[in-house]
Amino acid sequence: MKILTDKSVLTKKSQITLPKQVREFLGVKPGEQITFVIEDNTVKIMPVKSKLEENFGKVKPIQKPEDFKQIRDFVEKEISEESIKEIQ
């Protein structure tokens, strides 16, 4: 299904503003990341979801009360290592 939405102008810095209808469709807000995928003669725009947000609440605590600083440090380390692997 193809839907034609508003147009956007490329600035001198090669930047665009995503039209409101597109932002709402993607569910993105200022400061959030999007990614561009090129397939054949088409460019797709998709939101980049935080791995931390995607997995929030999926892990049951080993002990209570949880040490949130220790958990945060561990998660940040794991995400950074995974990100480094993805760009190599």
Protein backbone atom coordinates (compact mmCIF):
# COMPACT_ATOMS: atom_id res chain seq x y z
CA MET A 1 0.00 0.00 0.00
CA LYS A 2 1.40 3.39 -0.97
CA ILE A 3 0.30 6.59 0.71
CA LEU A 4 1.58 9.95 -0.48
CA THR A 5 2.17 12.30 2.42
CA ASP A 6 3.54 15.80 2.76
CA LYS A 7 6.76 16.75 1.06
CA SER A 8 9.91 17.89 2.82
CA VAL A 9 12.69 20.18 1.59
CA LEU A 10 16.35 19.25 1.81
CA THR A 11 18.27 22.01 3.63
CA LYS A 12 21.76 23.27 2.83
CA LYS A 13 23.04 20.79 5.42
CA SER A 14 21.16 17.95 3.64
CA GLN A 15 18.65 17.67 6.49
CA ILE A 16 14.90 17.13 6.28
CA THR A 17 11.98 17.41 8.64
CA LEU A 18 9.83 14.30 8.79
CA PRO A 19 6.22 15.29 8.20
CA LYS A 20 3.93 14.98 11.24
CA GLN A 21 1.93 12.16 9.63
CA VAL A 22 5.15 10.13 9.11
CA ARG A 23 6.41 10.77 12.68
CA GLU A 24 3.06 9.68 14.10
CA PHE A 25 2.96 6.57 11.88
CA LEU A 26 6.48 5.58 13.00
CA GLY A 27 5.73 6.48 16.61
CA VAL A 28 8.92 8.55 16.93
CA LYS A 29 9.53 11.70 18.95
CA PRO A 30 12.30 14.32 18.91
CA GLY A 31 15.63 12.83 20.00
CA GLU A 32 14.73 9.27 18.99
CA GLN A 33 16.66 7.49 16.26
CA ILE A 34 15.47 6.29 12.88
CA THR A 35 17.24 4.13 10.34
CA PHE A 36 17.19 4.15 6.53
CA VAL A 37 17.10 0.90 4.55
CA ILE A 38 17.73 0.95 0.80
CA GLU A 39 16.10 -1.87 -1.19
CA ASP A 40 16.04 -1.76 -4.98
CA ASN A 41 14.85 1.77 -5.82
CA THR A 42 13.12 2.34 -2.48
CA VAL A 43 14.26 3.90 0.77
CA LYS A 44 12.48 2.72 3.92
CA ILE A 45 12.49 4.72 7.15
CA MET A 46 12.15 2.70 10.35
CA PRO A 47 12.36 3.59 14.03
CA VAL A 48 15.32 2.29 16.03
CA LYS A 49 14.02 0.89 19.28
CA SER A 50 16.27 0.87 22.33
CA LYS A 51 17.33 -2.64 23.24
CA LEU A 52 17.02 -1.64 26.88
CA GLU A 53 13.41 -0.54 26.38
CA GLU A 54 12.55 -3.64 24.33
CA ASN A 55 13.71 -5.93 27.12
CA PHE A 56 12.43 -3.96 30.11
CA GLY A 57 10.71 -6.25 32.60
CA LYS A 58 11.62 -9.49 30.81
CA VAL A 59 14.23 -10.57 33.35
CA LYS A 60 13.21 -11.80 36.77
CA PRO A 61 15.49 -10.69 39.63
CA ILE A 62 17.90 -13.22 41.10
CA GLN A 63 17.70 -11.53 44.45
CA LYS A 64 15.63 -8.82 46.07
CA PRO A 65 16.10 -5.97 46.52
CA GLU A 66 17.84 -5.55 43.18
CA ASP A 67 21.03 -3.51 42.89
CA PHE A 68 19.90 -1.25 40.05
CA LYS A 69 23.29 0.45 39.61
CA GLN A 70 24.95 -2.93 39.15
CA ILE A 71 22.21 -4.03 36.74
CA ARG A 72 22.46 -0.78 34.73
CA ASP A 73 26.25 -1.05 34.51
CA PHE A 74 25.99 -4.65 33.30
CA VAL A 75 23.32 -3.84 30.69
CA GLU A 76 25.20 -0.80 29.38
CA LYS A 77 28.39 -2.88 29.05
CA GLU A 78 26.57 -5.67 27.19
CA ILE A 79 24.81 -3.24 24.84
CA SER A 80 28.05 -1.40 24.06
CA GLU A 81 29.85 -4.68 23.31
CA GLU A 82 26.99 -5.79 21.05
CA SER A 83 26.98 -2.42 19.26
CA ILE A 84 30.72 -2.64 18.64
CA LYS A 85 30.28 -6.12 17.12
CA GLU A 86 27.52 -4.81 14.83
CA ILE A 87 29.69 -2.05 13.35
CA GLN A 88 32.78 -4.20 12.84
